[in-house]
C-alpha atoms as a PDB file:
ATOM      1  CA  MET A   1       0.946 -14.992 -26.543  1.00  0.00           C
ATOM      2  CA  ALA A   2       3.219 -11.867 -25.976  1.00  0.00           C
ATOM      3  CA  LEU A   3       6.355 -11.658 -23.856  1.00  0.00           C
ATOM      4  CA  ASN A   4       5.208  -8.726 -20.720  1.00  0.00           C
ATOM      5  CA  LEU A   5       8.419  -7.373 -20.144  1.00  0.00           C
ATOM      6  CA  ASN A   6       7.108  -5.031 -17.464  1.00  0.00           C
ATOM      7  CA  LYS A   7       6.421  -7.649 -14.920  1.00  0.00           C
ATOM      8  CA  ASN A   8       8.266  -7.435 -11.942  1.00  0.00           C
ATOM      9  CA  LEU A   9      10.004 -10.687 -11.976  1.00  0.00           C
ATOM     10  CA  LYS A  10      11.326 -10.872  -8.089  1.00  0.00           C
ATOM     11  CA  LEU A  11       8.606 -12.971  -5.906  1.00  0.00           C
ATOM     12  CA  TYR A  12      10.102 -11.532  -2.868  1.00  0.00           C
ATOM     13  CA  TYR A  13      12.252  -8.508  -0.891  1.00  0.00           C
ATOM     14  CA  ASN A  14      14.217  -8.596   1.832  1.00  0.00           C
ATOM     15  CA  ILE A  15      13.883  -6.331   4.187  1.00  0.00           C
ATOM     16  CA  SER A  16      16.723  -3.794   3.102  1.00  0.00           C
ATOM     17  CA  GLU A  17      15.387  -3.596  -0.337  1.00  0.00           C
ATOM     18  CA  VAL A  18      11.647  -2.389   1.277  1.00  0.00           C
ATOM     19  CA  ALA A  19      13.640  -0.120   3.465  1.00  0.00           C
ATOM     20  CA  LYS A  20      15.883   1.367   0.881  1.00  0.00           C
ATOM     21  CA  MET A  21      12.380   2.042  -1.482  1.00  0.00           C
ATOM     22  CA  PHE A  22      11.023   4.010   0.442  1.00  0.00           C
ATOM     23  CA  GLY A  23      13.792   5.492   2.752  1.00  0.00           C
ATOM     24  CA  LEU A  24      13.267   4.887   6.149  1.00  0.00           C
ATOM     25  CA  ASN A  25      15.917   2.193   8.305  1.00  0.00           C
ATOM     26  CA  GLU A  26      14.515  -1.350   8.692  1.00  0.00           C
ATOM     27  CA  SER A  27      14.196  -0.504  12.176  1.00  0.00           C
ATOM     28  CA  THR A  28      10.519   1.418  11.121  1.00  0.00           C
ATOM     29  CA  LEU A  29       9.401  -1.649   9.819  1.00  0.00           C
ATOM     30  CA  ARG A  30       9.755  -4.028  11.430  1.00  0.00           C
ATOM     31  CA  TYR A  31       7.621  -0.952  14.315  1.00  0.00           C
ATOM     32  CA  TRP A  32       5.246  -0.490  11.646  1.00  0.00           C
ATOM     33  CA  GLU A  33       4.488  -4.651  11.819  1.00  0.00           C
ATOM     34  CA  GLN A  34       4.228  -4.839  15.049  1.00  0.00           C
ATOM     35  CA  GLU A  35       1.479  -1.943  14.900  1.00  0.00           C
ATOM     36  CA  PHE A  36      -0.425  -2.769  11.858  1.00  0.00           C
ATOM     37  CA  PRO A  37      -1.700  -5.980  12.161  1.00  0.00           C
ATOM     38  CA  TYR A  38      -2.586  -6.443   8.518  1.00  0.00           C
ATOM     39  CA  LEU A  39       1.281  -5.636   7.582  1.00  0.00           C
ATOM     40  CA  LYS A  40       2.889  -9.617   7.630  1.00  0.00           C
ATOM     41  CA  PRO A  41       5.839 -10.465   5.303  1.00  0.00           C
ATOM     42  CA  LYS A  42       6.668 -13.870   4.980  1.00  0.00           C
ATOM     43  CA  THR A  43       9.321 -15.101   7.429  1.00  0.00           C
ATOM     44  CA  SER A  44      11.667 -18.054   6.661  1.00  0.00           C
ATOM     45  CA  GLY A  45      14.200 -20.377   7.397  1.00  0.00           C
ATOM     46  CA  PRO A  46      15.936 -20.423  12.028  1.00  0.00           C
ATOM     47  CA  ALA A  47      16.566 -16.977  12.047  1.00  0.00           C
ATOM     48  CA  LYS A  48      12.721 -15.806  10.375  1.00  0.00           C
ATOM     49  CA  ILE A  49      14.273 -13.434   7.786  1.00  0.00           C
ATOM     50  CA  ARG A  50      11.090 -11.107   5.908  1.00  0.00           C
ATOM     51  CA  GLN A  51      10.088 -11.878   2.948  1.00  0.00           C
ATOM     52  CA  TYR A  52       8.615  -9.151   2.558  1.00  0.00           C
ATOM     53  CA  GLN A  53       6.161  -9.867  -1.617  1.00  0.00           C
ATOM     54  CA  GLU A  54       4.381  -7.250  -3.840  1.00  0.00           C
ATOM     55  CA  LYS A  55       1.465  -7.339  -1.639  1.00  0.00           C
ATOM     56  CA  ASP A  56       3.098  -5.799   1.536  1.00  0.00           C
ATOM     57  CA  ILE A  57       4.802  -3.106  -0.794  1.00  0.00           C
ATOM     58  CA  GLU A  58       1.509  -1.758  -1.223  1.00  0.00           C
ATOM     59  CA  GLN A  59       0.764  -2.189   2.262  1.00  0.00           C
ATOM     60  CA  ILE A  60       3.604  -0.481   3.280  1.00  0.00           C
ATOM     61  CA  ARG A  61       3.367   2.079   0.667  1.00  0.00           C
ATOM     62  CA  VAL A  62       0.325   3.518   2.180  1.00  0.00           C
ATOM     63  CA  ILE A  63       1.439   3.718   5.565  1.00  0.00           C
ATOM     64  CA  HIS A  64       3.904   5.297   4.085  1.00  0.00           C
ATOM     65  CA  ASN A  65       1.698   7.742   1.980  1.00  0.00           C
ATOM     66  CA  LEU A  66       0.015   8.099   5.966  1.00  0.00           C
ATOM     67  CA  VAL A  67       2.654   8.873   8.239  1.00  0.00           C
ATOM     68  CA  LYS A  68       5.486  10.054   6.576  1.00  0.00           C
ATOM     69  CA  VAL A  69       4.369  12.438   3.213  1.00  0.00           C
ATOM     70  CA  ARG A  70       1.275  13.378   4.967  1.00  0.00           C
ATOM     71  CA  GLY A  71       2.555  13.839   8.605  1.00  0.00           C
ATOM     72  CA  PHE A  72       0.185  11.536  10.438  1.00  0.00           C
ATOM     73  CA  LYS A  73       0.446  10.104  13.727  1.00  0.00           C
ATOM     74  CA  ILE A  74       0.707   5.547  13.637  1.00  0.00           C
ATOM     75  CA  ALA A  75      -2.684   5.451  15.866  1.00  0.00           C
ATOM     76  CA  ALA A  76      -4.712   8.498  13.755  1.00  0.00           C
ATOM     77  CA  ALA A  77      -3.404   6.341  10.649  1.00  0.00           C
ATOM     78  CA  LYS A  78      -4.742   2.997  12.035  1.00  0.00           C
ATOM     79  CA  LYS A  79      -8.468   4.929  12.638  1.00  0.00           C
ATOM     80  CA  ILE A  80      -8.220   6.497   8.817  1.00  0.00           C
ATOM     81  CA  LEU A  81      -7.763   2.674   7.572  1.00  0.00           C
ATOM     82  CA  THR A  82     -10.109   1.170   9.034  1.00  0.00           C
ATOM     83  CA  GLN A  83     -12.436   3.035   8.417  1.00  0.00           C
ATOM     84  CA  ASN A  84     -12.090   4.282   5.162  1.00  0.00           C
ATOM     85  CA  ARG A  85      -9.193   1.160   2.934  1.00  0.00           C
ATOM     86  CA  LYS A  86     -10.625   2.352  -0.234  1.00  0.00           C
ATOM     87  CA  GLY A  87     -10.584   6.067  -0.190  1.00  0.00           C
ATOM     88  CA  VAL A  88      -7.246   5.673   0.887  1.00  0.00           C
ATOM     89  CA  ASP A  89      -5.964   3.173  -1.452  1.00  0.00           C
ATOM     90  CA  LYS A  90      -6.932   6.280  -3.978  1.00  0.00           C
ATOM     91  CA  LYS A  91      -6.000   9.268  -2.129  1.00  0.00           C
ATOM     92  CA  THR A  92      -2.524   7.617  -2.390  1.00  0.00           C
ATOM     93  CA  ASP A  93      -2.022   6.858  -5.341  1.00  0.00           C
ATOM     94  CA  VAL A  94      -3.523  10.449  -6.730  1.00  0.00           C
ATOM     95  CA  LEU A  95      -1.041  11.686  -5.217  1.00  0.00           C
ATOM     96  CA  GLU A  96       2.059   9.309  -6.118  1.00  0.00           C
ATOM     97  CA  SER A  97       0.789  10.230  -9.812  1.00  0.00           C
ATOM     98  CA  LEU A  98       0.418  13.876  -9.120  1.00  0.00           C
ATOM     99  CA  ILE A  99       4.314  13.822  -7.702  1.00  0.00           C
ATOM    100  CA  GLY A 100       5.389  11.897 -10.946  1.00  0.00           C
ATOM    101  CA  VAL A 101       3.821  14.741 -13.134  1.00  0.00           C
ATOM    102  CA  ARG A 102       5.156  17.145 -10.326  1.00  0.00           C
ATOM    103  CA  ALA A 103       8.941  15.557 -10.493  1.00  0.00           C
ATOM    104  CA  GLU A 104       8.112  14.953 -15.035  1.00  0.00           C
ATOM    105  CA  LEU A 105       7.033  18.898 -15.268  1.00  0.00           C
ATOM    106  CA  GLN A 106      10.558  19.517 -12.675  1.00  0.00           C
ATOM    107  CA  ALA A 107      12.427  18.031 -15.845  1.00  0.00           C
ATOM    108  CA  LEU A 108      10.679  20.081 -18.486  1.00  0.00           C
ATOM    109  CA  LYS A 109      11.802  23.673 -17.138  1.00  0.00           C
ATOM    110  CA  LYS A 110      14.969  22.950 -15.955  1.00  0.00           C
ATOM    111  CA  GLN A 111      15.158  21.639 -20.084  1.00  0.00           C
ATOM    112  CA  LEU A 112      13.062  24.463 -20.837  1.00  0.00           C
ATOM    113  CA  ASP A 113      15.197  26.808 -18.808  1.00  0.00           C
ATOM    114  CA  TYR A 114      18.975  25.804 -20.305  1.00  0.00           C
ATOM    115  CA  LEU A 115      18.144  26.360 -23.464  1.00  0.00           C
ATOM    116  CA  GLN A 116      17.056  29.709 -22.710  1.00  0.00           C
END
């Protein structure tokens, strides 16, 4: 059996790591936890330190796409997620792929401009 080097070995992320991933404040993540009932990271210890797993980060990615990237209000994002969760997930994946392709194309254009 081959070793999978692409697999993420970290099981839990703290709130500051997750906030940094998405360019958010920690308070924004705490607010989203109150507004979106399915976003519930594990808490541990008497200080109730939040521990986000990959499934939590995926939820945040979808919410971030709706609220920050596409500009929906919180109420509209909740409504969209309850009505068509699978469609939103698919659109989020497509949008992220397109953003990645655009970044690659921009990098190629810079290289071509440099060569000329």
